[in-house]
Structure formats: structure tokens, C-alpha cells
Amino acid sequence: MDKVSQELMEYFAKAINHPDVSGFEAMELFDIRSQLAKREHILSEDDKIALEQLDRQLLTSADLWVTRISEIGDLAQLRKKAHVLPSHWWWYLDEIVSRKLEAIG
């Protein structure tokens, strides 16, 4: 893994364990994940597996991340303003959480 990818992965791995941050810091986490997505083609298979594990952690606490971001704005609006690609699913955690709640209730 190149140095930039390694630094991004390390940041993402540390930050993912702290969903008790501000909405702005949560947005930064999403930005870091988007940067990693652009670099996936240069990651080894082991690195991709590690990233998938981090993604699962992100999904586990999706409701907390959505709550943090909602403190600074509507995630759907922020996503639209930033022209987020649909393949960057982490920017759609609000929809994932909503669908999960619909399935439960």
C-alpha cells in the first residue's frame, strides 16, 4: 500500500471507533472514505479486506453517524451539494438507517 493510502486507512480505522464526534468530523470521515474509494484500484486484496471490515464497523454504528451529521445539516442535501457518486454508499447512511427502521417497524 502506498503511503497516502496507508495514512488514509489509519485515519479511517481510528476515526470509525469514535462516532461521538461533531457532525463536521463525521463529514470528514465520509470524505476520507471517498478518498479511499478512489484509491481502491491500487490496494492489495488484504487491504481491500481490511477496508471491508472497517465498512462493516461503519454500518454497525450508522445511526450514530447519521445523528451527528444531522446536527449540521440534512445528509441528503449535503450529498446533493457535494455531487456524491451513488457508489459511495457511506454518504447514504441516512437511507440505510431509514430502510432498516422501516423493516423493523
Protein backbone atom coordinates (compact mmCIF):
# COMPACT_ATOMS: atom_id res chain seq x y z
CA MET A 1 0.00 0.00 0.00
CA ASP A 2 1.33 3.44 -0.84
CA LYS A 3 1.94 5.96 1.92
CA VAL A 4 -1.11 8.13 1.23
CA SER A 5 -3.46 5.14 1.19
CA GLN A 6 -1.89 3.85 4.40
CA GLU A 7 -2.38 7.20 6.14
CA LEU A 8 -5.99 7.38 4.97
CA MET A 9 -6.66 3.82 6.16
CA GLU A 10 -5.09 4.50 9.54
CA TYR A 11 -7.14 7.67 9.98
CA PHE A 12 -10.33 5.90 8.92
CA ALA A 13 -9.61 2.96 11.26
CA LYS A 14 -9.12 5.27 14.24
CA ALA A 15 -12.00 7.62 13.48
CA ILE A 16 -14.54 4.86 12.89
CA ASN A 17 -14.37 3.94 16.56
CA HIS A 18 -15.46 7.41 17.66
CA PRO A 19 -18.97 8.19 16.41
CA ASP A 20 -19.31 10.65 19.30
CA VAL A 21 -17.67 13.42 17.25
CA SER A 22 -19.16 16.56 15.76
CA GLY A 23 -21.09 16.48 12.51
CA PHE A 24 -18.20 18.18 10.76
CA GLU A 25 -15.82 15.45 11.89
CA ALA A 26 -18.30 12.83 10.72
CA MET A 27 -18.37 14.51 7.31
CA GLU A 28 -14.58 14.40 7.28
CA LEU A 29 -14.77 10.65 7.90
CA PHE A 30 -17.03 10.29 4.86
CA ASP A 31 -14.60 12.39 2.80
CA ILE A 32 -11.71 10.14 3.88
CA ARG A 33 -13.72 7.07 2.87
CA SER A 34 -14.40 8.66 -0.52
CA GLN A 35 -10.67 9.29 -0.97
CA LEU A 36 -10.04 5.63 -0.18
CA ALA A 37 -12.66 4.61 -2.75
CA LYS A 38 -10.73 6.49 -5.42
CA ARG A 39 -7.60 4.55 -4.44
CA GLU A 40 -9.14 1.07 -4.24
CA HIS A 41 -7.61 0.09 -7.57
CA ILE A 42 -4.12 0.32 -6.03
CA LEU A 43 -4.98 -1.53 -2.80
CA SER A 44 -3.92 -5.12 -2.32
CA GLU A 45 -6.53 -7.82 -1.69
CA ASP A 46 -5.61 -7.80 2.01
CA ASP A 47 -6.04 -4.02 2.13
CA LYS A 48 -9.45 -4.34 0.47
CA ILE A 49 -10.49 -6.95 3.04
CA ALA A 50 -9.37 -4.63 5.84
CA LEU A 51 -11.36 -1.80 4.29
CA GLU A 52 -14.45 -4.02 4.06
CA GLN A 53 -14.11 -4.80 7.77
CA LEU A 54 -13.93 -1.08 8.53
CA ASP A 55 -17.01 -0.54 6.36
CA ARG A 56 -18.87 -3.12 8.43
CA GLN A 57 -17.93 -1.19 11.57
CA LEU A 58 -19.24 1.98 9.95
CA LEU A 59 -22.53 0.26 9.17
CA THR A 60 -22.81 -1.06 12.72
CA SER A 61 -22.94 2.48 14.08
CA ALA A 62 -24.69 4.06 11.09
CA ASP A 63 -27.46 5.59 13.20
CA LEU A 64 -24.90 7.43 15.34
CA TRP A 65 -23.08 8.82 12.31
CA VAL A 66 -26.37 9.97 10.78
CA THR A 67 -27.33 11.65 14.06
CA ARG A 68 -24.03 13.54 14.18
CA ILE A 69 -24.30 14.75 10.62
CA SER A 70 -27.94 15.75 11.09
CA GLU A 71 -26.72 18.22 13.72
CA ILE A 72 -25.11 20.29 10.97
CA GLY A 73 -27.44 19.64 8.04
CA ASP A 74 -29.57 17.27 6.07
CA LEU A 75 -27.38 14.46 4.72
CA ALA A 76 -29.43 14.22 1.51
CA GLN A 77 -28.88 17.92 0.83
CA LEU A 78 -25.19 17.72 1.71
CA ARG A 79 -24.82 14.72 -0.60
CA LYS A 80 -26.53 16.57 -3.45
CA LYS A 81 -24.45 19.70 -2.92
CA ALA A 82 -21.23 17.65 -2.96
CA HIS A 83 -22.26 15.69 -6.10
CA VAL A 84 -21.60 12.40 -4.34
CA LEU A 85 -21.42 9.30 -6.50
CA PRO A 86 -24.09 6.66 -5.80
CA SER A 87 -21.31 4.09 -5.41
CA HIS A 88 -20.14 5.96 -2.31
CA TRP A 89 -22.77 4.25 -0.16
CA TRP A 90 -21.48 5.72 3.14
CA TRP A 91 -22.96 9.05 2.07
CA TYR A 92 -26.34 7.28 2.01
CA LEU A 93 -26.32 6.05 5.61
CA ASP A 94 -29.47 8.08 6.28
CA GLU A 95 -31.33 5.99 3.70
CA ILE A 96 -29.82 2.77 5.03
CA VAL A 97 -30.90 3.62 8.58
CA SER A 98 -34.37 4.62 7.36
CA ARG A 99 -34.86 1.36 5.48
CA LYS A 100 -33.64 -0.61 8.49
CA LEU A 101 -36.19 1.15 10.71
CA GLU A 102 -38.98 0.52 8.17
CA ALA A 103 -38.10 -3.19 8.11
CA ILE A 104 -38.23 -3.37 11.91
CA GLY A 105 -41.32 -1.35 12.46
